[in-house]
Each structure stands twice: as structure tokens, then as C-alpha cells.
Amino acid sequence: MNKLKNTLLAIVFVLPVLFVATSCDDDDEGKDGWTDAQLEALTEECVSEEEGTQEQCECLTDKISDEWTYEEYNNLTLDDLGRAIEIALDCVGSI
């Protein structure tokens, strides 16, 4: 349960801050303004920092990038918390 709690908090508050640096590294934007490097960084940070499984973190990355553009994700507000929790529960609970 502690891993789930950490993952939920990371989605909303920690990970967006970590990805600001990756926005300057790769100009080749793909899916909704997300570069391959940003998508990969999101998954890697989830696995290494939040101790999620590779499958859980790939699920989170896919759903987050489907839900929000890169810019929107980096500017999430408390209004987005409910949807972020739904995404996390979908990914953590389904594996």
C-alpha cells in the first residue's frame, strides 16, 4: 500500500518537476507534445524513484500522455488530482 501511495503522490507532484529538464534535450515532439525522451524519462523515474514495476510505470506513462500534453502535465493543479488518482489506480490495480 505504501508503494501505491508513493506512486500517486509522484504522479501529481514529484514527477512533473523532474521532467522540466528533459524538455530542452529533444526537439522531436511526438504524441501530444511529448518527446520520446520525456516519455522514457517518465517511465524510468517511476521505476527508479517510486519503485513501481516496469508494467505499472509504462501503463502510467501511456495514460498520462493520453490524458495531458507535456505542458499540461507539468502544470497539473489540485483540480487534476482526481483524474491522476484514477489513472494510478487503474495501472497499479490492474497488474
Protein backbone atom coordinates (compact mmCIF):
# COMPACT_ATOMS: atom_id res chain seq x y z
CA MET A 1 0.00 0.00 0.00
CA ASN A 2 2.93 2.32 0.67
CA LYS A 3 4.15 1.91 -2.94
CA LEU A 4 0.70 2.87 -4.20
CA LYS A 5 0.69 5.96 -2.03
CA ASN A 6 4.16 6.97 -3.27
CA THR A 7 3.15 6.41 -6.88
CA LEU A 8 0.03 8.54 -6.53
CA LEU A 9 1.94 11.39 -4.96
CA ALA A 10 4.67 11.16 -7.58
CA ILE A 11 2.21 11.38 -10.44
CA VAL A 12 0.72 14.60 -9.20
CA PHE A 13 3.53 16.44 -7.50
CA VAL A 14 7.02 14.99 -7.91
CA LEU A 15 7.42 13.69 -11.44
CA PRO A 16 6.28 16.83 -13.31
CA VAL A 17 9.08 18.78 -11.67
CA LEU A 18 11.66 16.19 -12.69
CA PHE A 19 10.72 16.39 -16.38
CA VAL A 20 11.23 20.10 -16.94
CA ALA A 21 14.91 19.48 -17.66
CA THR A 22 14.14 16.95 -20.41
CA SER A 23 12.14 19.45 -22.45
CA CYS A 24 15.32 21.09 -23.76
CA ASP A 25 17.03 17.87 -24.79
CA ASP A 26 14.83 16.69 -27.66
CA ASP A 27 13.03 18.88 -30.17
CA ASP A 28 11.34 15.96 -31.93
CA GLU A 29 7.89 16.17 -30.37
CA GLY A 30 5.59 13.27 -30.92
CA LYS A 31 2.47 12.28 -29.02
CA ASP A 32 0.71 15.43 -27.81
CA GLY A 33 3.91 17.38 -27.39
CA TRP A 34 5.73 14.57 -25.58
CA THR A 35 9.15 13.64 -26.93
CA ASP A 36 10.41 10.09 -26.81
CA ALA A 37 12.99 11.21 -24.24
CA GLN A 38 10.29 12.68 -22.00
CA LEU A 39 8.14 9.55 -22.20
CA GLU A 40 11.15 7.37 -21.43
CA ALA A 41 12.18 9.63 -18.53
CA LEU A 42 8.68 9.46 -17.03
CA THR A 43 8.77 5.67 -17.07
CA GLU A 44 12.34 5.46 -15.75
CA GLU A 45 11.68 7.89 -12.90
CA CYS A 46 8.59 5.95 -11.91
CA VAL A 47 10.53 2.69 -11.80
CA SER A 48 13.63 4.02 -10.04
CA GLU A 49 12.25 6.71 -7.74
CA GLU A 50 8.78 5.38 -6.98
CA GLU A 51 9.59 1.67 -7.02
CA GLY A 52 6.82 0.83 -9.46
CA THR A 53 7.09 -2.18 -11.72
CA GLN A 54 8.03 -1.66 -15.36
CA GLU A 55 4.49 -2.63 -16.41
CA GLN A 56 2.85 -0.27 -13.91
CA CYS A 57 5.08 2.60 -14.94
CA GLU A 58 4.57 2.03 -18.66
CA CYS A 59 0.83 2.00 -18.02
CA LEU A 60 1.11 5.28 -16.12
CA THR A 61 3.21 6.84 -18.87
CA ASP A 62 0.74 5.80 -21.57
CA LYS A 63 -2.30 7.01 -19.67
CA ILE A 64 -0.69 10.26 -18.55
CA SER A 65 0.47 11.12 -22.06
CA ASP A 66 -3.01 10.26 -23.40
CA GLU A 67 -4.70 12.45 -20.79
CA TRP A 68 -2.45 15.52 -20.76
CA THR A 69 0.01 17.18 -23.08
CA TYR A 70 3.54 17.51 -21.77
CA GLU A 71 2.93 21.16 -20.92
CA GLU A 72 -0.36 20.39 -19.14
CA TYR A 73 1.28 17.60 -17.15
CA ASN A 74 3.99 19.94 -15.95
CA ASN A 75 1.30 22.34 -14.74
CA LEU A 76 -1.12 19.97 -13.01
CA THR A 77 -3.32 21.52 -10.35
CA LEU A 78 -5.32 20.11 -7.48
CA ASP A 79 -8.29 20.02 -9.88
CA ASP A 80 -6.42 17.28 -11.78
CA LEU A 81 -5.86 15.19 -8.64
CA GLY A 82 -8.97 13.06 -9.03
CA ARG A 83 -8.13 12.03 -12.59
CA ALA A 84 -4.48 11.38 -11.66
CA ILE A 85 -5.58 9.08 -8.85
CA GLU A 86 -7.93 7.21 -11.21
CA ILE A 87 -5.06 6.68 -13.64
CA ALA A 88 -2.74 5.46 -10.90
CA LEU A 89 -5.33 3.06 -9.51
CA ASP A 90 -6.06 1.70 -12.99
CA CYS A 91 -2.39 0.97 -13.55
CA VAL A 92 -1.43 -0.24 -10.10
CA GLY A 93 -4.60 -2.24 -9.58
CA SER A 94 -4.63 -3.94 -12.95
CA ILE A 95 -1.25 -5.64 -12.61
